[in-house]
PDB file of all heavy atoms in Angstrom:
ATOM      1  N   LYS A   1      12.409  49.012 -14.711  1.00  0.00           N
ATOM      2  CA  LYS A   1      13.507  48.275 -15.377  1.00  0.00           C
ATOM      3  C   LYS A   1      13.931  47.186 -14.501  1.00  0.00           C
ATOM      4  O   LYS A   1      13.749  47.157 -13.288  1.00  0.00           O
ATOM      5  CB  LYS A   1      14.670  49.147 -15.681  1.00  0.00           C
ATOM      6  CG  LYS A   1      14.413  50.345 -16.719  1.00  0.00           C
ATOM      7  CD  LYS A   1      14.235  49.780 -18.133  1.00  0.00           C
ATOM      8  CE  LYS A   1      13.974  50.890 -19.030  1.00  0.00           C
ATOM      9  NZ  LYS A   1      13.691  50.431 -20.427  1.00  0.00           N
ATOM     10  N   VAL A   2      14.498  46.152 -15.100  1.00  0.00           N
ATOM     11  CA  VAL A   2      14.985  44.976 -14.289  1.00  0.00           C
ATOM     12  C   VAL A   2      16.468  44.881 -14.495  1.00  0.00           C
ATOM     13  O   VAL A   2      16.927  44.721 -15.640  1.00  0.00           O
ATOM     14  CB  VAL A   2      14.310  43.657 -14.598  1.00  0.00           C
ATOM     15  CG1 VAL A   2      14.824  42.502 -13.783  1.00  0.00           C
ATOM     16  CG2 VAL A   2      12.757  43.722 -14.550  1.00  0.00           C
ATOM     17  N   LEU A   3      17.232  45.084 -13.490  1.00  0.00           N
ATOM     18  CA  LEU A   3      18.631  45.111 -13.467  1.00  0.00           C
ATOM     19  C   LEU A   3      19.341  43.984 -14.266  1.00  0.00           C
ATOM     20  O   LEU A   3      19.120  42.874 -13.954  1.00  0.00           O
ATOM     21  CB  LEU A   3      19.234  45.231 -12.087  1.00  0.00           C
ATOM     22  CG  LEU A   3      20.712  45.548 -11.911  1.00  0.00           C
ATOM     23  CD1 LEU A   3      21.008  47.019 -12.490  1.00  0.00           C
ATOM     24  CD2 LEU A   3      21.104  45.488 -10.420  1.00  0.00           C
ATOM     25  N   CYS A   4      20.021  44.352 -15.350  1.00  0.00           N
ATOM     26  CA  CYS A   4      20.838  43.295 -16.180  1.00  0.00           C
ATOM     27  C   CYS A   4      19.827  42.267 -16.895  1.00  0.00           C
ATOM     28  O   CYS A   4      20.206  41.240 -17.232  1.00  0.00           O
ATOM     29  CB  CYS A   4      21.828  42.668 -15.337  1.00  0.00           C
ATOM     30  SG  CYS A   4      23.080  43.729 -14.669  1.00  0.00           S
ATOM     31  N   HIS A   5      18.568  42.643 -17.042  1.00  0.00           N
ATOM     32  CA  HIS A   5      17.516  41.782 -17.742  1.00  0.00           C
ATOM     33  C   HIS A   5      16.871  42.708 -18.753  1.00  0.00           C
ATOM     34  O   HIS A   5      16.833  43.877 -18.647  1.00  0.00           O
ATOM     35  CB  HIS A   5      16.550  41.186 -16.760  1.00  0.00           C
ATOM     36  CG  HIS A   5      17.137  39.998 -15.910  1.00  0.00           C
ATOM     37  ND1 HIS A   5      17.262  38.771 -16.433  1.00  0.00           N
ATOM     38  CD2 HIS A   5      17.781  39.984 -14.742  1.00  0.00           C
ATOM     39  CE1 HIS A   5      17.817  37.996 -15.475  1.00  0.00           C
ATOM     40  NE2 HIS A   5      18.086  38.691 -14.406  1.00  0.00           N
ATOM     41  N   GLY A   6      16.169  42.011 -19.671  1.00  0.00           N
ATOM     42  CA  GLY A   6      15.520  42.730 -20.795  1.00  0.00           C
ATOM     43  C   GLY A   6      16.554  43.592 -21.507  1.00  0.00           C
ATOM     44  O   GLY A   6      17.601  42.983 -21.949  1.00  0.00           O
ATOM     45  N   ASP A   7      16.331  44.830 -21.633  1.00  0.00           N
ATOM     46  CA  ASP A   7      17.292  45.735 -22.451  1.00  0.00           C
ATOM     47  C   ASP A   7      18.193  46.545 -21.432  1.00  0.00           C
ATOM     48  O   ASP A   7      18.822  47.431 -21.933  1.00  0.00           O
ATOM     49  CB  ASP A   7      16.504  46.608 -23.343  1.00  0.00           C
ATOM     50  CG  ASP A   7      15.642  47.624 -22.636  1.00  0.00           C
ATOM     51  OD1 ASP A   7      15.531  47.513 -21.389  1.00  0.00           O
ATOM     52  OD2 ASP A   7      15.042  48.460 -23.374  1.00  0.00           O
ATOM     53  N   TYR A   8      18.256  46.167 -20.230  1.00  0.00           N
ATOM     54  CA  TYR A   8      19.059  46.905 -19.315  1.00  0.00           C
ATOM     55  C   TYR A   8      20.437  46.333 -19.276  1.00  0.00           C
ATOM     56  O   TYR A   8      20.704  45.196 -18.706  1.00  0.00           O
ATOM     57  CB  TYR A   8      18.401  46.745 -17.846  1.00  0.00           C
ATOM     58  CG  TYR A   8      18.892  47.774 -16.852  1.00  0.00           C
ATOM     59  CD1 TYR A   8      18.016  48.681 -16.262  1.00  0.00           C
ATOM     60  CD2 TYR A   8      20.160  47.764 -16.404  1.00  0.00           C
ATOM     61  CE1 TYR A   8      18.382  49.598 -15.331  1.00  0.00           C
ATOM     62  CE2 TYR A   8      20.616  48.760 -15.423  1.00  0.00           C
ATOM     63  CZ  TYR A   8      19.733  49.658 -14.901  1.00  0.00           C
ATOM     64  OH  TYR A   8      20.176  50.573 -14.043  1.00  0.00           O
ATOM     65  N   GLN A   9      21.349  47.022 -19.737  1.00  0.00           N
ATOM     66  CA  GLN A   9      22.769  46.540 -19.816  1.00  0.00           C
ATOM     67  C   GLN A   9      23.436  46.604 -18.476  1.00  0.00           C
ATOM     68  O   GLN A   9      23.082  47.373 -17.645  1.00  0.00           O
ATOM     69  CB  GLN A   9      23.530  47.533 -20.852  1.00  0.00           C
ATOM     70  CG  GLN A   9      23.067  47.412 -22.308  1.00  0.00           C
ATOM     71  CD  GLN A   9      22.970  45.950 -22.859  1.00  0.00           C
ATOM     72  OE1 GLN A   9      24.011  45.275 -22.810  1.00  0.00           O
ATOM     73  NE2 GLN A   9      21.809  45.546 -23.300  1.00  0.00           N
ATOM     74  N   LYS A  10      24.449  45.819 -18.313  1.00  0.00           N
ATOM     75  CA  LYS A  10      25.255  45.683 -17.025  1.00  0.00           C
ATOM     76  C   LYS A  10      25.851  47.045 -16.841  1.00  0.00           C
ATOM     77  O   LYS A  10      26.630  47.493 -17.675  1.00  0.00           O
ATOM     78  CB  LYS A  10      26.154  44.499 -17.068  1.00  0.00           C
ATOM     79  CG  LYS A  10      27.083  44.457 -15.871  1.00  0.00           C
ATOM     80  CD  LYS A  10      27.864  43.088 -15.866  1.00  0.00           C
ATOM     81  CE  LYS A  10      28.841  42.969 -16.898  1.00  0.00           C
ATOM     82  NZ  LYS A  10      30.013  43.863 -16.724  1.00  0.00           N
ATOM     83  N   PRO A  11      25.652  47.698 -15.626  1.00  0.00           N
ATOM     84  CA  PRO A  11      26.346  48.890 -15.345  1.00  0.00           C
ATOM     85  C   PRO A  11      27.888  48.829 -15.412  1.00  0.00           C
ATOM     86  O   PRO A  11      28.445  47.757 -15.191  1.00  0.00           O
ATOM     87  CB  PRO A  11      25.844  49.374 -13.994  1.00  0.00           C
ATOM     88  CG  PRO A  11      24.555  48.571 -13.841  1.00  0.00           C
ATOM     89  CD  PRO A  11      24.722  47.275 -14.650  1.00  0.00           C
ATOM     90  N   LEU A  12      28.550  49.910 -15.784  1.00  0.00           N
ATOM     91  CA  LEU A  12      29.993  49.827 -15.894  1.00  0.00           C
ATOM     92  C   LEU A  12      30.737  49.521 -14.564  1.00  0.00           C
ATOM     93  O   LEU A  12      31.762  48.887 -14.605  1.00  0.00           O
ATOM     94  CB  LEU A  12      30.558  51.157 -16.432  1.00  0.00           C
ATOM     95  CG  LEU A  12      30.176  51.564 -17.845  1.00  0.00           C
ATOM     96  CD1 LEU A  12      30.620  53.022 -18.168  1.00  0.00           C
ATOM     97  CD2 LEU A  12      30.767  50.595 -18.925  1.00  0.00           C
ATOM     98  N   GLY A  13      30.017  49.913 -13.458  1.00  0.00           N
ATOM     99  CA  GLY A  13      30.659  49.590 -12.149  1.00  0.00           C
ATOM    100  C   GLY A  13      30.478  48.209 -11.706  1.00  0.00           C
ATOM    101  O   GLY A  13      30.950  47.800 -10.640  1.00  0.00           O
ATOM    102  N   PHE A  14      29.782  47.327 -12.374  1.00  0.00           N
ATOM    103  CA  PHE A  14      29.615  45.941 -12.111  1.00  0.00           C
ATOM    104  C   PHE A  14      30.706  45.128 -12.765  1.00  0.00           C
ATOM    105  O   PHE A  14      30.661  45.122 -13.986  1.00  0.00           O
ATOM    106  CB  PHE A  14      28.248  45.424 -12.445  1.00  0.00           C
ATOM    107  CG  PHE A  14      27.076  45.983 -11.659  1.00  0.00           C
ATOM    108  CD1 PHE A  14      27.163  47.143 -10.898  1.00  0.00           C
ATOM    109  CD2 PHE A  14      25.792  45.377 -11.900  1.00  0.00           C
ATOM    110  CE1 PHE A  14      26.085  47.588 -10.162  1.00  0.00           C
ATOM    111  CE2 PHE A  14      24.739  45.837 -11.204  1.00  0.00           C
ATOM    112  CZ  PHE A  14      24.786  46.984 -10.378  1.00  0.00           C
ATOM    113  N   TYR A  15      31.509  44.345 -11.974  1.00  0.00           N
ATOM    114  CA  TYR A  15      32.352  43.416 -12.607  1.00  0.00           C
ATOM    115  C   TYR A  15      31.656  42.313 -13.237  1.00  0.00           C
ATOM    116  O   TYR A  15      31.895  41.891 -14.316  1.00  0.00           O
ATOM    117  CB  TYR A  15      33.414  42.936 -11.527  1.00  0.00           C
ATOM    118  CG  TYR A  15      34.323  41.793 -12.162  1.00  0.00           C
ATOM    119  CD1 TYR A  15      35.325  42.181 -12.951  1.00  0.00           C
ATOM    120  CD2 TYR A  15      34.076  40.446 -11.822  1.00  0.00           C
ATOM    121  CE1 TYR A  15      36.194  41.118 -13.563  1.00  0.00           C
ATOM    122  CE2 TYR A  15      34.835  39.512 -12.261  1.00  0.00           C
ATOM    123  CZ  TYR A  15      35.883  39.793 -13.209  1.00  0.00           C
ATOM    124  OH  TYR A  15      36.690  38.823 -13.680  1.00  0.00           O
ATOM    125  N   GLY A  16      30.667  41.813 -12.419  1.00  0.00           N
ATOM    126  CA  GLY A  16      29.776  40.728 -12.949  1.00  0.00           C
ATOM    127  C   GLY A  16      28.478  40.786 -12.202  1.00  0.00           C
ATOM    128  O   GLY A  16      28.174  41.503 -11.284  1.00  0.00           O
ATOM    129  N   PHE A  17      27.474  39.904 -12.673  1.00  0.00           N
ATOM    130  CA  PHE A  17      26.196  39.974 -12.089  1.00  0.00           C
ATOM    131  C   PHE A  17      25.599  38.587 -12.181  1.00  0.00           C
ATOM    132  O   PHE A  17      25.687  37.894 -13.194  1.00  0.00           O
ATOM    133  CB  PHE A  17      25.352  41.014 -12.834  1.00  0.00           C
ATOM    134  CG  PHE A  17      23.874  41.208 -12.266  1.00  0.00           C
ATOM    135  CD1 PHE A  17      23.781  41.958 -11.114  1.00  0.00           C
ATOM    136  CD2 PHE A  17      22.804  40.541 -12.762  1.00  0.00           C
ATOM    137  CE1 PHE A  17      22.552  42.175 -10.445  1.00  0.00           C
ATOM    138  CE2 PHE A  17      21.542  40.716 -12.142  1.00  0.00           C
ATOM    139  CZ  PHE A  17      21.415  41.550 -11.018  1.00  0.00           C
ATOM    140  N   ASP A  18      24.870  38.235 -11.101  1.00  0.00           N
ATOM    141  CA  ASP A  18      24.102  36.913 -11.097  1.00  0.00           C
ATOM    142  C   ASP A  18      22.831  37.131 -11.655  1.00  0.00           C
ATOM    143  O   ASP A  18      21.930  37.827 -11.156  1.00  0.00           O
ATOM    144  CB  ASP A  18      24.000  36.464  -9.641  1.00  0.00           C
ATOM    145  CG  ASP A  18      23.121  35.278  -9.416  1.00  0.00           C
ATOM    146  OD1 ASP A  18      22.898  34.584 -10.431  1.00  0.00           O
ATOM    147  OD2 ASP A  18      22.631  35.097  -8.379  1.00  0.00           O
ATOM    148  N   PRO A  19      22.441  36.456 -12.835  1.00  0.00           N
ATOM    149  CA  PRO A  19      21.175  36.638 -13.513  1.00  0.00           C
ATOM    150  C   PRO A  19      19.993  36.035 -12.653  1.00  0.00           C
ATOM    151  O   PRO A  19      18.869  36.347 -12.996  1.00  0.00           O
ATOM    152  CB  PRO A  19      21.297  35.886 -14.813  1.00  0.00           C
ATOM    153  CG  PRO A  19      22.466  34.917 -14.564  1.00  0.00           C
ATOM    154  CD  PRO A  19      23.365  35.591 -13.615  1.00  0.00           C
ATOM    155  N   GLY A  20      20.370  35.259 -11.599  1.00  0.00           N
ATOM    156  CA  GLY A  20      19.280  34.771 -10.804  1.00  0.00           C
ATOM    157  C   GLY A  20      18.720  35.689  -9.862  1.00  0.00           C
ATOM    158  O   GLY A  20      17.639  35.536  -9.328  1.00  0.00           O
ATOM    159  N   LYS A  21      19.314  36.961  -9.753  1.00  0.00           N
ATOM    160  CA  LYS A  21      18.595  37.963  -8.970  1.00  0.00           C
ATOM    161  C   LYS A  21      17.822  38.811  -9.902  1.00  0.00           C
ATOM    162  O   LYS A  21      18.364  39.402 -10.848  1.00  0.00           O
ATOM    163  CB  LYS A  21      19.711  38.799  -8.187  1.00  0.00           C
ATOM    164  CG  LYS A  21      20.343  38.120  -7.001  1.00  0.00           C
ATOM    165  CD  LYS A  21      19.235  38.026  -5.827  1.00  0.00           C
ATOM    166  CE  LYS A  21      19.802  37.316  -4.740  1.00  0.00           C
ATOM    167  NZ  LYS A  21      20.949  37.921  -3.962  1.00  0.00           N
ATOM    168  N   LEU A  22      16.528  39.178  -9.572  1.00  0.00           N
ATOM    169  CA  LEU A  22      15.685  39.973 -10.353  1.00  0.00           C
ATOM    170  C   LEU A  22      15.523  41.204  -9.475  1.00  0.00           C
ATOM    171  O   LEU A  22      14.646  41.273  -8.640  1.00  0.00           O
ATOM    172  CB  LEU A  22      14.375  39.312 -10.726  1.00  0.00           C
ATOM    173  CG  LEU A  22      14.487  37.876 -11.376  1.00  0.00           C
ATOM    174  CD1 LEU A  22      13.112  37.261 -11.616  1.00  0.00           C
ATOM    175  CD2 LEU A  22      15.288  38.013 -12.696  1.00  0.00           C
ATOM    176  N   VAL A  23      16.292  42.211  -9.850  1.00  0.00           N
ATOM    177  CA  VAL A  23      16.193  43.470  -9.198  1.00  0.00           C
ATOM    178  C   VAL A  23      15.418  44.510  -9.983  1.00  0.00           C
ATOM    179  O   VAL A  23      15.901  44.977 -11.093  1.00  0.00           O
ATOM    180  CB  VAL A  23      17.657  44.062  -8.879  1.00  0.00           C
ATOM    181  CG1 VAL A  23      17.478  45.352  -8.156  1.00  0.00           C
ATOM    182  CG2 VAL A  23      18.483  42.988  -8.115  1.00  0.00           C
ATOM    183  N   VAL A  24      14.212  44.794  -9.545  1.00  0.00           N
ATOM    184  CA  VAL A  24      13.293  45.751 -10.305  1.00  0.00           C
ATOM    185  C   VAL A  24      13.502  47.172  -9.852  1.00  0.00           C
ATOM    186  O   VAL A  24      13.425  47.516  -8.652  1.00  0.00           O
ATOM    187  CB  VAL A  24      11.839  45.392 -10.057  1.00  0.00           C
ATOM    188  CG1 VAL A  24      10.942  46.317 -10.904  1.00  0.00           C
ATOM    189  CG2 VAL A  24      11.551  43.897 -10.392  1.00  0.00           C
ATOM    190  N   ILE A  25      14.000  47.996 -10.796  1.00  0.00           N
ATOM    191  CA  ILE A  25      14.293  49.367 -10.453  1.00  0.00           C
ATOM    192  C   ILE A  25      13.029  50.165 -10.431  1.00  0.00           C
ATOM    193  O   ILE A  25      12.400  50.339 -11.479  1.00  0.00           O
ATOM    194  CB  ILE A  25      15.352  50.046 -11.486  1.00  0.00           C
ATOM    195  CG1 ILE A  25      16.552  49.073 -11.666  1.00  0.00           C
ATOM    196  CG2 ILE A  25      15.673  51.339 -11.065  1.00  0.00           C
ATOM    197  CD1 ILE A  25      17.250  48.783 -10.390  1.00  0.00           C
ATOM    198  N   THR A  26      12.625  50.705  -9.301  1.00  0.00           N
ATOM    199  CA  THR A  26      11.325  51.392  -9.222  1.00  0.00           C
ATOM    200  C   THR A  26      11.532  52.921  -8.928  1.00  0.00           C
ATOM    201  O   THR A  26      10.596  53.631  -8.656  1.00  0.00           O
ATOM    202  CB  THR A  26      10.551  50.806  -7.991  1.00  0.00           C
ATOM    203  OG1 THR A  26      11.278  50.949  -6.786  1.00  0.00           O
ATOM    204  CG2 THR A  26      10.274  49.314  -8.230  1.00  0.00           C
ATOM    205  N   LYS A  27      12.803  53.403  -9.033  1.00  0.00           N
ATOM    206  CA  LYS A  27      13.152  54.786  -8.827  1.00  0.00           C
ATOM    207  C   LYS A  27      12.342  55.623  -9.845  1.00  0.00           C
ATOM    208  O   LYS A  27      12.328  55.322 -11.017  1.00  0.00           O
ATOM    209  CB  LYS A  27      14.667  54.932  -8.953  1.00  0.00           C
ATOM    210  CG  LYS A  27      15.173  56.294  -8.642  1.00  0.00           C
ATOM    211  CD  LYS A  27      16.696  56.302  -8.876  1.00  0.00           C
ATOM    212  CE  LYS A  27      17.300  57.642  -8.538  1.00  0.00           C
ATOM    213  NZ  LYS A  27      18.751  57.581  -8.739  1.00  0.00           N
ATOM    214  N   ASP A  28      11.777  56.649  -9.424  1.00  0.00           N
ATOM    215  CA  ASP A  28      10.986  57.608 -10.263  1.00  0.00           C
ATOM    216  C   ASP A  28       9.876  56.952 -11.024  1.00  0.00           C
ATOM    217  O   ASP A  28       9.588  57.200 -12.131  1.00  0.00           O
ATOM    218  CB  ASP A  28      12.004  58.222 -11.237  1.00  0.00           C
ATOM    219  CG  ASP A  28      13.121  59.071 -10.605  1.00  0.00           C
ATOM    220  OD1 ASP A  28      12.748  59.631  -9.616  1.00  0.00           O
ATOM    221  OD2 ASP A  28      14.251  58.989 -11.135  1.00  0.00           O
ATOM    222  N   THR A  29       9.162  56.091 -10.342  1.00  0.00           N
ATOM    223  CA  THR A  29       7.986  55.330 -10.839  1.00  0.00           C
ATOM    224  C   THR A  29       6.869  55.581  -9.960  1.00  0.00           C
ATOM    225  O   THR A  29       7.027  56.042  -8.801  1.00  0.00           O
ATOM    226  CB  THR A  29       8.199  53.803 -10.980  1.00  0.00           C
ATOM    227  OG1 THR A  29       8.276  53.261  -9.674  1.00  0.00           O
ATOM    228  CG2 THR A  29       9.512  53.527 -11.759  1.00  0.00           C
ATOM    229  N   PRO A  30       5.635  55.372 -10.338  1.00  0.00           N
ATOM    230  CA  PRO A  30       4.417  55.517  -9.553  1.00  0.00           C
ATOM    231  C   PRO A  30       4.408  54.672  -8.270  1.00  0.00           C
ATOM    232  O   PRO A  30       3.698  54.965  -7.267  1.00  0.00           O
ATOM    233  CB  PRO A  30       3.239  55.277 -10.471  1.00  0.00           C
ATOM    234  CG  PRO A  30       3.773  55.356 -11.855  1.00  0.00           C
ATOM    235  CD  PRO A  30       5.148  54.914 -11.779  1.00  0.00           C
ATOM    236  N   LEU A  31       5.118  53.481  -8.374  1.00  0.00           N
ATOM    237  CA  LEU A  31       5.152  52.549  -7.271  1.00  0.00           C
ATOM    238  C   LEU A  31       6.572  52.366  -6.800  1.00  0.00           C
ATOM    239  O   LEU A  31       7.135  51.253  -7.040  1.00  0.00           O
ATOM    240  CB  LEU A  31       4.560  51.279  -7.599  1.00  0.00           C
ATOM    241  CG  LEU A  31       2.956  51.252  -7.856  1.00  0.00           C
ATOM    242  CD1 LEU A  31       2.542  49.916  -8.325  1.00  0.00           C
ATOM    243  CD2 LEU A  31       2.234  51.613  -6.596  1.00  0.00           C
ATOM    244  N   PRO A  32       7.219  53.383  -6.215  1.00  0.00           N
ATOM    245  CA  PRO A  32       8.596  53.212  -5.746  1.00  0.00           C
ATOM    246  C   PRO A  32       8.746  52.220  -4.529  1.00  0.00           C
ATOM    247  O   PRO A  32       7.827  52.294  -3.714  1.00  0.00           O
ATOM    248  CB  PRO A  32       9.096  54.585  -5.466  1.00  0.00           C
ATOM    249  CG  PRO A  32       7.834  55.230  -5.067  1.00  0.00           C
ATOM    250  CD  PRO A  32       6.765  54.670  -5.907  1.00  0.00           C
ATOM    251  N   GLY A  33       9.881  51.504  -4.469  1.00  0.00           N
ATOM    252  CA  GLY A  33      10.199  50.747  -3.216  1.00  0.00           C
ATOM    253  C   GLY A  33       9.027  49.946  -2.628  1.00  0.00           C
ATOM    254  O   GLY A  33       8.551  49.022  -3.169  1.00  0.00           O
ATOM    255  N   ILE A  34       8.672  50.439  -1.417  1.00  0.00           N
ATOM    256  CA  ILE A  34       7.667  49.599  -0.718  1.00  0.00           C
ATOM    257  C   ILE A  34       6.390  49.502  -1.270  1.00  0.00           C
ATOM    258  O   ILE A  34       5.708  48.463  -1.239  1.00  0.00           O
ATOM    259  CB  ILE A  34       7.473  50.303   0.790  1.00  0.00           C
ATOM    260  CG1 ILE A  34       8.850  50.421   1.541  1.00  0.00           C
ATOM    261  CG2 ILE A  34       6.536  49.455   1.633  1.00  0.00           C
ATOM    262  CD1 ILE A  34       9.659  49.142   1.782  1.00  0.00           C
ATOM    263  N   ALA A  35       5.987  50.556  -2.016  1.00  0.00           N
ATOM    264  CA  ALA A  35       4.666  50.464  -2.719  1.00  0.00           C
ATOM    265  C   ALA A  35       4.710  49.398  -3.722  1.00  0.00           C
ATOM    266  O   ALA A  35       3.689  48.685  -3.947  1.00  0.00           O
ATOM    267  CB  ALA A  35       4.359  51.803  -3.325  1.00  0.00           C
ATOM    268  N   PHE A  36       5.813  49.255  -4.470  1.00  0.00           N
ATOM    269  CA  PHE A  36       5.847  48.206  -5.513  1.00  0.00           C
ATOM    270  C   PHE A  36       5.721  46.844  -4.831  1.00  0.00           C
ATOM    271  O   PHE A  36       4.981  45.946  -5.263  1.00  0.00           O
ATOM    272  CB  PHE A  36       7.147  48.284  -6.305  1.00  0.00           C
ATOM    273  CG  PHE A  36       7.369  47.220  -7.190  1.00  0.00           C
ATOM    274  CD1 PHE A  36       6.760  47.330  -8.490  1.00  0.00           C
ATOM    275  CD2 PHE A  36       8.154  46.100  -6.935  1.00  0.00           C
ATOM    276  CE1 PHE A  36       6.933  46.269  -9.487  1.00  0.00           C
ATOM    277  CE2 PHE A  36       8.301  45.035  -7.914  1.00  0.00           C
ATOM    278  CZ  PHE A  36       7.779  45.147  -9.172  1.00  0.00           C
ATOM    279  N   GLY A  37       6.477  46.622  -3.708  1.00  0.00           N
ATOM    280  CA  GLY A  37       6.423  45.381  -2.998  1.00  0.00           C
ATOM    281  C   GLY A  37       5.029  45.129  -2.479  1.00  0.00           C
ATOM    282  O   GLY A  37       4.544  43.932  -2.486  1.00  0.00           O
ATOM    283  N   ASN A  38       4.281  46.119  -1.981  1.00  0.00           N
ATOM    284  CA  ASN A  38       2.952  45.909  -1.542  1.00  0.00           C
ATOM    285  C   ASN A  38       2.017  45.519  -2.600  1.00  0.00           C
ATOM    286  O   ASN A  38       1.142  44.699  -2.530  1.00  0.00           O
ATOM    287  CB  ASN A  38       2.475  47.172  -0.839  1.00  0.00           C
ATOM    288  CG  ASN A  38       3.095  47.324   0.580  1.00  0.00           C
ATOM    289  OD1 ASN A  38       3.548  46.346   1.165  1.00  0.00           O
ATOM    290  ND2 ASN A  38       3.172  48.601   1.054  1.00  0.00           N
ATOM    291  N   PHE A  39       2.192  46.188  -3.800  1.00  0.00           N
ATOM    292  CA  PHE A  39       1.320  45.820  -4.922  1.00  0.00           C
ATOM    293  C   PHE A  39       1.626  44.292  -5.313  1.00  0.00           C
ATOM    294  O   PHE A  39       0.648  43.603  -5.531  1.00  0.00           O
ATOM    295  CB  PHE A  39       1.694  46.654  -6.216  1.00  0.00           C
ATOM    296  CG  PHE A  39       1.112  46.188  -7.484  1.00  0.00           C
ATOM    297  CD1 PHE A  39      -0.247  46.483  -7.719  1.00  0.00           C
ATOM    298  CD2 PHE A  39       1.759  45.315  -8.357  1.00  0.00           C
ATOM    299  CE1 PHE A  39      -0.764  45.996  -8.882  1.00  0.00           C
ATOM    300  CE2 PHE A  39       1.194  44.812  -9.457  1.00  0.00           C
ATOM    301  CZ  PHE A  39      -0.107  45.206  -9.745  1.00  0.00           C
ATOM    302  N   MET A  40       2.831  43.913  -5.300  1.00  0.00           N
ATOM    303  CA  MET A  40       3.118  42.444  -5.709  1.00  0.00           C
ATOM    304  C   MET A  40       2.509  41.613  -4.619  1.00  0.00           C
ATOM    305  O   MET A  40       1.912  40.562  -4.952  1.00  0.00           O
ATOM    306  CB  MET A  40       4.609  42.262  -5.709  1.00  0.00           C
ATOM    307  CG  MET A  40       5.253  42.852  -6.997  1.00  0.00           C
ATOM    308  SD  MET A  40       4.622  42.019  -8.480  1.00  0.00           S
ATOM    309  CE  MET A  40       5.085  43.131  -9.770  1.00  0.00           C
TER     310      MET A  40
END
């Protein structure tokens, strides 16, 4: 998922969000964290 992009709604704890940041959520995926970065 990409935070606040696509179909990912802004979390309730966020007052606001800068759409210029593309935060890819890799939790519980085959390429979490560093592995995703290395793939890219």
